[in-house]
Amino acid sequence: MCNGLFKRPVHRVVTNAKNERLLVTLGYSVDHKREMEPLPQPINEKRPPLYRKVKVKDYITGLYEHFSQGTMVIDTRQI
């Protein structure tokens, strides 16, 4: 959405060998037919779009495929 203006944080976890840890992620429902693309505000002549438009359904499908391989789907959407 921000066209690379903000960098994603590195996720770090401190493990504890004595206690089991449970991670729960939550999201919200988005129309799978909608398309995602960088917002127009950070795009100009000096900062062209870095990511291509993609349908939400295709992005989520790629997210699961790349997660199982240990890679980031966002990197595959770069122009």
PDB file of N, CA and C in Angstrom:
ATOM      1  N   MET A   1       0.804  -1.198   0.000  1.00  0.00           N
ATOM      2  CA  MET A   1       0.000   0.000   0.000  1.00  0.00           C
ATOM      3  C   MET A   1       0.852   1.269   0.000  1.00  0.00           C
ATOM      4  N   CYS A   2       1.976   1.241   0.707  1.00  0.00           N
ATOM      5  CA  CYS A   2       2.788   2.469   0.823  1.00  0.00           C
ATOM      6  C   CYS A   2       3.884   2.527  -0.234  1.00  0.00           C
ATOM      7  N   ASN A   3       3.903   1.560  -1.165  1.00  0.00           N
ATOM      8  CA  ASN A   3       4.877   1.545  -2.261  1.00  0.00           C
ATOM      9  C   ASN A   3       6.319   1.539  -1.766  1.00  0.00           C
ATOM     10  N   GLY A   4       6.560   0.827  -0.667  1.00  0.00           N
ATOM     11  CA  GLY A   4       7.919   0.694  -0.144  1.00  0.00           C
ATOM     12  C   GLY A   4       8.392   1.875   0.688  1.00  0.00           C
ATOM     13  N   LEU A   5       7.514   2.850   0.933  1.00  0.00           N
ATOM     14  CA  LEU A   5       7.891   4.020   1.717  1.00  0.00           C
ATOM     15  C   LEU A   5       8.224   3.632   3.159  1.00  0.00           C
ATOM     16  N   PHE A   6       7.435   2.733   3.714  1.00  0.00           N
ATOM     17  CA  PHE A   6       7.697   2.218   5.060  1.00  0.00           C
ATOM     18  C   PHE A   6       8.224   0.790   4.937  1.00  0.00           C
ATOM     19  N   LYS A   7       9.262   0.467   5.658  1.00  0.00           N
ATOM     20  CA  LYS A   7       9.848  -0.866   5.610  1.00  0.00           C
ATOM     21  C   LYS A   7       9.152  -1.781   6.614  1.00  0.00           C
ATOM     22  N   ARG A   8       8.955  -3.039   6.230  1.00  0.00           N
ATOM     23  CA  ARG A   8       8.324  -3.984   7.154  1.00  0.00           C
ATOM     24  C   ARG A   8       9.300  -4.321   8.276  1.00  0.00           C
ATOM     25  N   PRO A   9       8.787  -4.455   9.482  1.00  0.00           N
ATOM     26  CA  PRO A   9       9.660  -4.766  10.615  1.00  0.00           C
ATOM     27  C   PRO A   9      10.088  -6.229  10.597  1.00  0.00           C
ATOM     28  N   VAL A  10      11.220  -6.496  11.189  1.00  0.00           N
ATOM     29  CA  VAL A  10      11.689  -7.875  11.354  1.00  0.00           C
ATOM     30  C   VAL A  10      10.995  -8.434  12.586  1.00  0.00           C
ATOM     31  N   HIS A  11      10.367  -9.580  12.428  1.00  0.00           N
ATOM     32  CA  HIS A  11       9.651 -10.203  13.549  1.00  0.00           C
ATOM     33  C   HIS A  11      10.631 -11.088  14.318  1.00  0.00           C
ATOM     34  N   ARG A  12      10.798 -10.810  15.580  1.00  0.00           N
ATOM     35  CA  ARG A  12      11.712 -11.590  16.413  1.00  0.00           C
ATOM     36  C   ARG A  12      10.943 -12.142  17.605  1.00  0.00           C
ATOM     37  N   VAL A  13      11.283 -13.363  17.991  1.00  0.00           N
ATOM     38  CA  VAL A  13      10.595 -14.024  19.093  1.00  0.00           C
ATOM     39  C   VAL A  13      11.620 -14.560  20.071  1.00  0.00           C
ATOM     40  N   VAL A  14      11.374 -14.332  21.348  1.00  0.00           N
ATOM     41  CA  VAL A  14      12.210 -14.916  22.392  1.00  0.00           C
ATOM     42  C   VAL A  14      11.532 -16.210  22.816  1.00  0.00           C
ATOM     43  N   THR A  15      12.231 -17.307  22.682  1.00  0.00           N
ATOM     44  CA  THR A  15      11.635 -18.598  23.018  1.00  0.00           C
ATOM     45  C   THR A  15      11.846 -18.934  24.482  1.00  0.00           C
ATOM     46  N   ASN A  16      10.980 -19.776  24.971  1.00  0.00           N
ATOM     47  CA  ASN A  16      11.046 -20.226  26.346  1.00  0.00           C
ATOM     48  C   ASN A  16      10.918 -21.742  26.334  1.00  0.00           C
ATOM     49  N   ALA A  17      11.964 -22.436  26.709  1.00  0.00           N
ATOM     50  CA  ALA A  17      11.978 -23.896  26.662  1.00  0.00           C
ATOM     51  C   ALA A  17      11.050 -24.538  27.700  1.00  0.00           C
ATOM     52  N   LYS A  18      10.618 -23.770  28.706  1.00  0.00           N
ATOM     53  CA  LYS A  18       9.792 -24.329  29.771  1.00  0.00           C
ATOM     54  C   LYS A  18       8.293 -24.220  29.494  1.00  0.00           C
ATOM     55  N   ASN A  19       7.894 -23.221  28.724  1.00  0.00           N
ATOM     56  CA  ASN A  19       6.472 -23.012  28.469  1.00  0.00           C
ATOM     57  C   ASN A  19       6.168 -23.109  26.978  1.00  0.00           C
ATOM     58  N   GLU A  20       5.021 -23.723  26.669  1.00  0.00           N
ATOM     59  CA  GLU A  20       4.574 -23.798  25.284  1.00  0.00           C
ATOM     60  C   GLU A  20       4.065 -22.428  24.858  1.00  0.00           C
ATOM     61  N   ARG A  21       4.270 -22.081  23.603  1.00  0.00           N
ATOM     62  CA  ARG A  21       3.850 -20.784  23.092  1.00  0.00           C
ATOM     63  C   ARG A  21       2.812 -20.982  21.994  1.00  0.00           C
ATOM     64  N   LEU A  22       1.791 -20.166  21.980  1.00  0.00           N
ATOM     65  CA  LEU A  22       0.738 -20.235  20.980  1.00  0.00           C
ATOM     66  C   LEU A  22       0.621 -18.879  20.295  1.00  0.00           C
ATOM     67  N   LEU A  23       0.634 -18.877  18.977  1.00  0.00           N
ATOM     68  CA  LEU A  23       0.516 -17.648  18.209  1.00  0.00           C
ATOM     69  C   LEU A  23      -0.794 -17.688  17.436  1.00  0.00           C
ATOM     70  N   VAL A  24      -1.581 -16.649  17.556  1.00  0.00           N
ATOM     71  CA  VAL A  24      -2.853 -16.560  16.853  1.00  0.00           C
ATOM     72  C   VAL A  24      -2.834 -15.286  16.017  1.00  0.00           C
ATOM     73  N   THR A  25      -3.097 -15.420  14.730  1.00  0.00           N
ATOM     74  CA  THR A  25      -3.185 -14.237  13.869  1.00  0.00           C
ATOM     75  C   THR A  25      -4.636 -14.021  13.483  1.00  0.00           C
ATOM     76  N   LEU A  26      -5.013 -12.785  13.436  1.00  0.00           N
ATOM     77  CA  LEU A  26      -6.386 -12.438  13.090  1.00  0.00           C
ATOM     78  C   LEU A  26      -6.376 -11.504  11.897  1.00  0.00           C
ATOM     79  N   GLY A  27      -7.380 -11.615  11.092  1.00  0.00           N
ATOM     80  CA  GLY A  27      -7.516 -10.727   9.949  1.00  0.00           C
ATOM     81  C   GLY A  27      -8.976 -10.373   9.784  1.00  0.00           C
ATOM     82  N   TYR A  28      -9.281  -9.690   8.722  1.00  0.00           N
ATOM     83  CA  TYR A  28     -10.676  -9.374   8.448  1.00  0.00           C
ATOM     84  C   TYR A  28     -10.988  -9.795   7.019  1.00  0.00           C
ATOM     85  N   SER A  29     -12.247  -9.948   6.745  1.00  0.00           N
ATOM     86  CA  SER A  29     -12.691 -10.439   5.445  1.00  0.00           C
ATOM     87  C   SER A  29     -12.626  -9.331   4.404  1.00  0.00           C
ATOM     88  N   VAL A  30     -12.022  -9.630   3.285  1.00  0.00           N
ATOM     89  CA  VAL A  30     -11.915  -8.701   2.173  1.00  0.00           C
ATOM     90  C   VAL A  30     -12.493  -9.399   0.944  1.00  0.00           C
ATOM     91  N   ASP A  31     -13.162  -8.663   0.111  1.00  0.00           N
ATOM     92  CA  ASP A  31     -13.703  -9.216  -1.126  1.00  0.00           C
ATOM     93  C   ASP A  31     -12.551  -9.768  -1.969  1.00  0.00           C
ATOM     94  N   HIS A  32     -12.579 -11.066  -2.235  1.00  0.00           N
ATOM     95  CA  HIS A  32     -11.487 -11.722  -2.961  1.00  0.00           C
ATOM     96  C   HIS A  32     -11.346 -11.247  -4.408  1.00  0.00           C
ATOM     97  N   LYS A  33     -12.378 -10.607  -4.928  1.00  0.00           N
ATOM     98  CA  LYS A  33     -12.325 -10.127  -6.306  1.00  0.00           C
ATOM     99  C   LYS A  33     -11.697  -8.737  -6.416  1.00  0.00           C
ATOM    100  N   ARG A  34     -11.532  -8.058  -5.300  1.00  0.00           N
ATOM    101  CA  ARG A  34     -10.931  -6.715  -5.315  1.00  0.00           C
ATOM    102  C   ARG A  34      -9.456  -6.785  -5.665  1.00  0.00           C
ATOM    103  N   GLU A  35      -8.929  -5.689  -6.129  1.00  0.00           N
ATOM    104  CA  GLU A  35      -7.506  -5.624  -6.462  1.00  0.00           C
ATOM    105  C   GLU A  35      -6.789  -4.735  -5.458  1.00  0.00           C
ATOM    106  N   MET A  36      -5.558  -5.134  -5.123  1.00  0.00           N
ATOM    107  CA  MET A  36      -4.702  -4.343  -4.240  1.00  0.00           C
ATOM    108  C   MET A  36      -3.604  -3.725  -5.094  1.00  0.00           C
ATOM    109  N   GLU A  37      -3.230  -2.511  -4.740  1.00  0.00           N
ATOM    110  CA  GLU A  37      -2.130  -1.833  -5.419  1.00  0.00           C
ATOM    111  C   GLU A  37      -1.631  -0.718  -4.505  1.00  0.00           C
ATOM    112  N   PRO A  38      -0.436  -0.191  -4.755  1.00  0.00           N
ATOM    113  CA  PRO A  38       0.048   0.911  -3.924  1.00  0.00           C
ATOM    114  C   PRO A  38      -0.907   2.100  -3.982  1.00  0.00           C
ATOM    115  N   LEU A  39      -1.015   2.823  -2.877  1.00  0.00           N
ATOM    116  CA  LEU A  39      -1.830   4.035  -2.845  1.00  0.00           C
ATOM    117  C   LEU A  39      -1.235   5.066  -3.799  1.00  0.00           C
ATOM    118  N   PRO A  40      -2.056   5.921  -4.390  1.00  0.00           N
ATOM    119  CA  PRO A  40      -1.523   6.897  -5.350  1.00  0.00           C
ATOM    120  C   PRO A  40      -0.675   8.005  -4.720  1.00  0.00           C
ATOM    121  N   GLN A  41      -0.851   8.303  -3.430  1.00  0.00           N
ATOM    122  CA  GLN A  41      -0.129   9.407  -2.816  1.00  0.00           C
ATOM    123  C   GLN A  41       1.393   9.255  -2.845  1.00  0.00           C
ATOM    124  N   PRO A  42       1.961   8.086  -2.514  1.00  0.00           N
ATOM    125  CA  PRO A  42       3.431   8.026  -2.537  1.00  0.00           C
ATOM    126  C   PRO A  42       4.023   7.819  -3.940  1.00  0.00           C
ATOM    127  N   ILE A  43       3.188   7.800  -4.982  1.00  0.00           N
ATOM    128  CA  ILE A  43       3.679   7.553  -6.334  1.00  0.00           C
ATOM    129  C   ILE A  43       3.770   8.882  -7.086  1.00  0.00           C
ATOM    130  N   ASN A  44       4.928   9.129  -7.675  1.00  0.00           N
ATOM    131  CA  ASN A  44       5.138  10.311  -8.505  1.00  0.00           C
ATOM    132  C   ASN A  44       6.286  10.026  -9.462  1.00  0.00           C
ATOM    133  N   GLU A  45       6.792  11.028 -10.154  1.00  0.00           N
ATOM    134  CA  GLU A  45       7.876  10.825 -11.117  1.00  0.00           C
ATOM    135  C   GLU A  45       9.152  10.320 -10.452  1.00  0.00           C
ATOM    136  N   LYS A  46       9.435  10.813  -9.257  1.00  0.00           N
ATOM    137  CA  LYS A  46      10.644  10.394  -8.544  1.00  0.00           C
ATOM    138  C   LYS A  46      10.455   9.053  -7.839  1.00  0.00           C
ATOM    139  N   ARG A  47       9.234   8.679  -7.573  1.00  0.00           N
ATOM    140  CA  ARG A  47       8.926   7.433  -6.873  1.00  0.00           C
ATOM    141  C   ARG A  47       7.866   6.664  -7.665  1.00  0.00           C
ATOM    142  N   PRO A  48       8.292   5.933  -8.716  1.00  0.00           N
ATOM    143  CA  PRO A  48       7.327   5.170  -9.529  1.00  0.00           C
ATOM    144  C   PRO A  48       6.783   3.972  -8.732  1.00  0.00           C
ATOM    145  N   PRO A  49       5.698   3.363  -9.182  1.00  0.00           N
ATOM    146  CA  PRO A  49       5.161   2.200  -8.463  1.00  0.00           C
ATOM    147  C   PRO A  49       6.179   1.056  -8.424  1.00  0.00           C
ATOM    148  N   LEU A  50       6.329   0.458  -7.250  1.00  0.00           N
ATOM    149  CA  LEU A  50       7.269  -0.656  -7.087  1.00  0.00           C
ATOM    150  C   LEU A  50       6.581  -2.017  -7.148  1.00  0.00           C
ATOM    151  N   TYR A  51       5.265  -2.026  -6.973  1.00  0.00           N
ATOM    152  CA  TYR A  51       4.510  -3.282  -6.932  1.00  0.00           C
ATOM    153  C   TYR A  51       3.380  -3.237  -7.933  1.00  0.00           C
ATOM    154  N   ARG A  52       3.080  -4.384  -8.524  1.00  0.00           N
ATOM    155  CA  ARG A  52       1.997  -4.445  -9.493  1.00  0.00           C
ATOM    156  C   ARG A  52       0.668  -4.717  -8.798  1.00  0.00           C
ATOM    157  N   LYS A  53      -0.398  -4.416  -9.482  1.00  0.00           N
ATOM    158  CA  LYS A  53      -1.747  -4.649  -8.988  1.00  0.00           C
ATOM    159  C   LYS A  53      -1.997  -6.160  -8.933  1.00  0.00           C
ATOM    160  N   VAL A  54      -2.682  -6.625  -7.893  1.00  0.00           N
ATOM    161  CA  VAL A  54      -2.954  -8.053  -7.743  1.00  0.00           C
ATOM    162  C   VAL A  54      -4.321  -8.236  -7.085  1.00  0.00           C
ATOM    163  N   LYS A  55      -5.043  -9.269  -7.488  1.00  0.00           N
ATOM    164  CA  LYS A  55      -6.326  -9.576  -6.850  1.00  0.00           C
ATOM    165  C   LYS A  55      -6.058 -10.146  -5.462  1.00  0.00           C
ATOM    166  N   VAL A  56      -6.936  -9.813  -4.532  1.00  0.00           N
ATOM    167  CA  VAL A  56      -6.794 -10.282  -3.149  1.00  0.00           C
ATOM    168  C   VAL A  56      -6.707 -11.805  -3.116  1.00  0.00           C
ATOM    169  N   LYS A  57      -7.528 -12.478  -3.886  1.00  0.00           N
ATOM    170  CA  LYS A  57      -7.532 -13.948  -3.925  1.00  0.00           C
ATOM    171  C   LYS A  57      -6.158 -14.490  -4.334  1.00  0.00           C
ATOM    172  N   ASP A  58      -5.569 -13.906  -5.367  1.00  0.00           N
ATOM    173  CA  ASP A  58      -4.262 -14.356  -5.840  1.00  0.00           C
ATOM    174  C   ASP A  58      -3.172 -14.073  -4.810  1.00  0.00           C
ATOM    175  N   TYR A  59      -3.271 -12.933  -4.137  1.00  0.00           N
ATOM    176  CA  TYR A  59      -2.281 -12.590  -3.116  1.00  0.00           C
ATOM    177  C   TYR A  59      -2.344 -13.577  -1.956  1.00  0.00           C
ATOM    178  N   ILE A  60      -3.550 -13.890  -1.477  1.00  0.00           N
ATOM    179  CA  ILE A  60      -3.701 -14.820  -0.353  1.00  0.00           C
ATOM    180  C   ILE A  60      -3.244 -16.217  -0.746  1.00  0.00           C
ATOM    181  N   THR A  61      -3.573 -16.645  -1.956  1.00  0.00           N
ATOM    182  CA  THR A  61      -3.104 -17.950  -2.436  1.00  0.00           C
ATOM    183  C   THR A  61      -1.577 -17.989  -2.451  1.00  0.00           C
ATOM    184  N   GLY A  62      -0.959 -16.938  -2.988  1.00  0.00           N
ATOM    185  CA  GLY A  62       0.502 -16.854  -3.014  1.00  0.00           C
ATOM    186  C   GLY A  62       1.096 -16.786  -1.622  1.00  0.00           C
ATOM    187  N   LEU A  63       0.394 -16.108  -0.706  1.00  0.00           N
ATOM    188  CA  LEU A  63       0.865 -15.997   0.670  1.00  0.00           C
ATOM    189  C   LEU A  63       1.043 -17.379   1.290  1.00  0.00           C
ATOM    190  N   TYR A  64       0.041 -18.237   1.146  1.00  0.00           N
ATOM    191  CA  TYR A  64       0.132 -19.592   1.707  1.00  0.00           C
ATOM    192  C   TYR A  64       1.193 -20.432   1.000  1.00  0.00           C
ATOM    193  N   GLU A  65       1.297 -20.303  -0.313  1.00  0.00           N
ATOM    194  CA  GLU A  65       2.314 -21.063  -1.054  1.00  0.00           C
ATOM    195  C   GLU A  65       3.721 -20.653  -0.628  1.00  0.00           C
ATOM    196  N   HIS A  66       3.980 -19.365  -0.529  1.00  0.00           N
ATOM    197  CA  HIS A  66       5.312 -18.882  -0.174  1.00  0.00           C
ATOM    198  C   HIS A  66       5.618 -19.099   1.304  1.00  0.00           C
ATOM    199  N   PHE A  67       4.603 -19.004   2.153  1.00  0.00           N
ATOM    200  CA  PHE A  67       4.813 -19.252   3.581  1.00  0.00           C
ATOM    201  C   PHE A  67       5.304 -20.679   3.805  1.00  0.00           C
ATOM    202  N   SER A  68       4.740 -21.638   3.070  1.00  0.00           N
ATOM    203  CA  SER A  68       5.161 -23.030   3.229  1.00  0.00           C
ATOM    204  C   SER A  68       6.591 -23.252   2.741  1.00  0.00           C
ATOM    205  N   GLN A  69       7.089 -22.359   1.867  1.00  0.00           N
ATOM    206  CA  GLN A  69       8.458 -22.453   1.357  1.00  0.00           C
ATOM    207  C   GLN A  69       9.428 -21.553   2.120  1.00  0.00           C
ATOM    208  N   GLY A  70       8.884 -20.743   3.053  1.00  0.00           N
ATOM    209  CA  GLY A  70       9.736 -19.850   3.848  1.00  0.00           C
ATOM    210  C   GLY A  70      10.143 -18.580   3.118  1.00  0.00           C
ATOM    211  N   THR A  71       9.364 -18.170   2.096  1.00  0.00           N
ATOM    212  CA  THR A  71       9.662 -16.948   1.367  1.00  0.00           C
ATOM    213  C   THR A  71       8.526 -15.941   1.539  1.00  0.00           C
ATOM    214  N   MET A  72       8.747 -14.704   1.095  1.00  0.00           N
ATOM    215  CA  MET A  72       7.745 -13.645   1.229  1.00  0.00           C
ATOM    216  C   MET A  72       7.039 -13.416  -0.105  1.00  0.00           C
ATOM    217  N   VAL A  73       5.721 -13.470  -0.112  1.00  0.00           N
ATOM    218  CA  VAL A  73       4.951 -13.272  -1.346  1.00  0.00           C
ATOM    219  C   VAL A  73       5.067 -11.840  -1.861  1.00  0.00           C
ATOM    220  N   ILE A  74       5.245 -10.867  -0.974  1.00  0.00           N
ATOM    221  CA  ILE A  74       5.333  -9.466  -1.403  1.00  0.00           C
ATOM    222  C   ILE A  74       6.514  -9.254  -2.352  1.00  0.00           C
ATOM    223  N   ASP A  75       7.585 -10.008  -2.156  1.00  0.00           N
ATOM    224  CA  ASP A  75       8.755  -9.879  -3.025  1.00  0.00           C
ATOM    225  C   ASP A  75       8.454 -10.323  -4.455  1.00  0.00           C
ATOM    226  N   THR A  76       7.478 -11.213  -4.635  1.00  0.00           N
ATOM    227  CA  THR A  76       7.138 -11.696  -5.984  1.00  0.00           C
ATOM    228  C   THR A  76       6.285 -10.702  -6.739  1.00  0.00           C
ATOM    229  N   ARG A  77       5.752  -9.688  -6.063  1.00  0.00           N
ATOM    230  CA  ARG A  77       4.871  -8.704  -6.701  1.00  0.00           C
ATOM    231  C   ARG A  77       5.622  -7.453  -7.141  1.00  0.00           C
ATOM    232  N   GLN A  78       6.927  -7.421  -6.907  1.00  0.00           N
ATOM    233  CA  GLN A  78       7.695  -6.232  -7.293  1.00  0.00           C
ATOM    234  C   GLN A  78       7.779  -6.120  -8.816  1.00  0.00           C
ATOM    235  N   ILE A  79       7.782  -4.881  -9.285  1.00  0.00           N
ATOM    236  CA  ILE A  79       7.892  -4.615 -10.735  1.00  0.00           C
ATOM    237  C   ILE A  79       9.355  -4.683 -11.131  1.00  0.00           C
TER     238      ILE A  79
END
